[in-house]
Amino acid sequence: MSSFPKCSNCGGLIIGHIWPNRSCYDCHELETEDGEVTNHERIRCPKCGHQEDVFESEKYHLAKEDGGETSCGECGHDYFVNCYITYTFTSPERIQDVPAASGKGEPCDARR
């Protein structure tokens, strides 16, 4: 069980500064910044400020390369959301070369 408080907006853990409305930094930025803001899960209507979680709503279609057009669930304002996708690849561990036995009790030399 974590001893960190949870954000009142997104439910994520707050590590560090707790803003007056008990929100994490990302949610605080969505609520207070007037300019363009970036968030990993939530979008904000530029007209009324209503926020929605892209992955827990009918807005999931926005989570594709280039984003898309959407309407605010609160005021109906139409706006465009950009989406930037990052890929991370994991390769398997290296295979260690183990010399094969030649049958004579000496290691096999692959250079021969």
Protein backbone atom coordinates (compact mmCIF):
# COMPACT_ATOMS: atom_id res chain seq x y z
CA MET A 1 0.00 0.00 0.00
CA SER A 2 1.36 3.39 -1.01
CA SER A 3 1.74 6.26 1.43
CA PHE A 4 1.57 8.83 -1.39
CA PRO A 5 -1.69 10.81 -1.76
CA LYS A 6 -3.76 10.36 -4.93
CA CYS A 7 -4.68 13.12 -7.35
CA SER A 8 -8.31 14.19 -6.97
CA ASN A 9 -8.62 14.50 -10.76
CA CYS A 10 -6.85 11.52 -12.39
CA GLY A 11 -6.30 9.23 -9.40
CA GLY A 12 -2.56 9.01 -10.01
CA LEU A 13 -0.05 9.15 -7.17
CA ILE A 14 1.21 12.57 -6.16
CA ILE A 15 4.95 12.48 -5.61
CA GLY A 16 6.33 15.83 -4.57
CA HIS A 17 4.31 19.03 -4.38
CA ILE A 18 0.56 18.76 -3.74
CA TRP A 19 -1.37 21.62 -5.35
CA PRO A 20 -4.23 23.29 -3.38
CA ASN A 21 -6.91 21.25 -5.17
CA ARG A 22 -5.04 17.98 -4.31
CA SER A 23 -4.03 17.46 -7.93
CA CYS A 24 -0.80 16.18 -9.45
CA TYR A 25 1.38 18.50 -11.55
CA ASP A 26 -0.06 17.30 -14.89
CA CYS A 27 -3.66 17.86 -13.80
CA HIS A 28 -2.78 21.18 -12.18
CA GLU A 29 -1.27 22.29 -15.49
CA LEU A 30 -4.43 21.25 -17.39
CA GLU A 31 -6.54 23.27 -14.96
CA THR A 32 -4.43 26.43 -14.74
CA GLU A 33 -2.49 26.92 -17.99
CA ASP A 34 -4.19 28.88 -20.76
CA GLY A 35 -1.78 27.81 -23.50
CA GLU A 36 -1.31 24.49 -25.20
CA VAL A 37 -0.73 21.66 -22.67
CA THR A 38 0.47 18.09 -23.06
CA ASN A 39 -0.80 15.16 -20.99
CA HIS A 40 -0.33 11.39 -21.27
CA GLU A 41 -4.00 10.48 -20.72
CA ARG A 42 -6.26 13.50 -20.50
CA ILE A 43 -7.49 16.09 -22.99
CA ARG A 44 -8.94 19.52 -22.19
CA CYS A 45 -11.57 21.46 -24.06
CA PRO A 46 -10.07 24.82 -25.11
CA LYS A 47 -13.43 26.57 -24.64
CA CYS A 48 -14.80 25.41 -21.24
CA GLY A 49 -11.79 23.54 -19.75
CA HIS A 50 -13.67 20.23 -19.33
CA GLN A 51 -11.22 17.31 -19.10
CA GLU A 52 -11.65 13.74 -20.28
CA ASP A 53 -9.51 10.62 -20.00
CA VAL A 54 -8.92 9.46 -23.59
CA PHE A 55 -8.57 5.82 -22.55
CA GLU A 56 -11.71 5.69 -20.37
CA SER A 57 -14.16 7.34 -22.74
CA GLU A 58 -15.48 7.27 -26.28
CA LYS A 59 -12.45 9.45 -27.14
CA TYR A 60 -10.16 6.40 -27.50
CA HIS A 61 -10.03 6.98 -31.28
CA LEU A 62 -7.79 9.98 -30.55
CA ALA A 63 -5.01 7.67 -29.31
CA LYS A 64 -3.64 7.10 -32.78
CA GLU A 65 -0.92 8.76 -34.75
CA ASP A 66 -1.81 12.40 -35.50
CA GLY A 67 -4.82 12.52 -33.09
CA GLY A 68 -8.11 13.75 -34.49
CA GLU A 69 -11.21 15.91 -34.25
CA THR A 70 -13.41 15.64 -31.15
CA SER A 71 -16.30 17.38 -29.43
CA CYS A 72 -16.40 18.42 -25.80
CA GLY A 73 -18.68 16.21 -23.71
CA GLU A 74 -19.67 19.24 -21.64
CA CYS A 75 -20.18 22.24 -23.98
CA GLY A 76 -20.16 20.58 -27.43
CA HIS A 77 -17.25 22.66 -28.77
CA ASP A 78 -15.39 20.94 -31.66
CA TYR A 79 -11.59 20.92 -31.51
CA PHE A 80 -8.56 19.01 -32.79
CA VAL A 81 -6.23 17.01 -30.52
CA ASN A 82 -2.70 16.09 -31.54
CA CYS A 83 -1.26 12.72 -30.50
CA TYR A 84 2.40 11.79 -30.53
CA ILE A 85 3.26 8.10 -30.23
CA THR A 86 6.52 6.77 -28.84
CA TYR A 87 7.62 3.18 -29.32
CA THR A 88 9.91 1.26 -26.99
CA PHE A 89 11.39 -2.06 -28.09
CA THR A 90 12.90 -4.72 -25.84
CA SER A 91 15.37 -7.19 -27.30
CA PRO A 92 16.09 -10.58 -25.70
CA GLU A 93 19.26 -11.09 -23.72
CA ARG A 94 22.42 -12.00 -25.60
CA ILE A 95 23.19 -15.61 -26.27
CA GLN A 96 26.48 -16.57 -24.71
CA ASP A 97 28.77 -18.55 -27.02
CA VAL A 98 29.59 -21.80 -25.27
CA PRO A 99 32.42 -23.72 -26.92
CA ALA A 100 31.28 -27.14 -28.09
CA ALA A 101 33.33 -30.14 -26.97
CA SER A 102 35.33 -31.78 -29.78
CA GLY A 103 35.17 -35.18 -28.14
CA LYS A 104 38.89 -35.17 -27.28
CA GLY A 105 38.53 -33.16 -24.08
CA GLU A 106 39.71 -29.92 -25.63
CA PRO A 107 37.63 -26.87 -26.52
CA CYS A 108 36.54 -26.40 -30.09
CA ASP A 109 38.24 -23.49 -31.86
CA ALA A 110 35.75 -21.96 -34.29
CA ARG A 111 38.57 -20.19 -36.16
CA ARG A 112 39.98 -23.41 -37.60
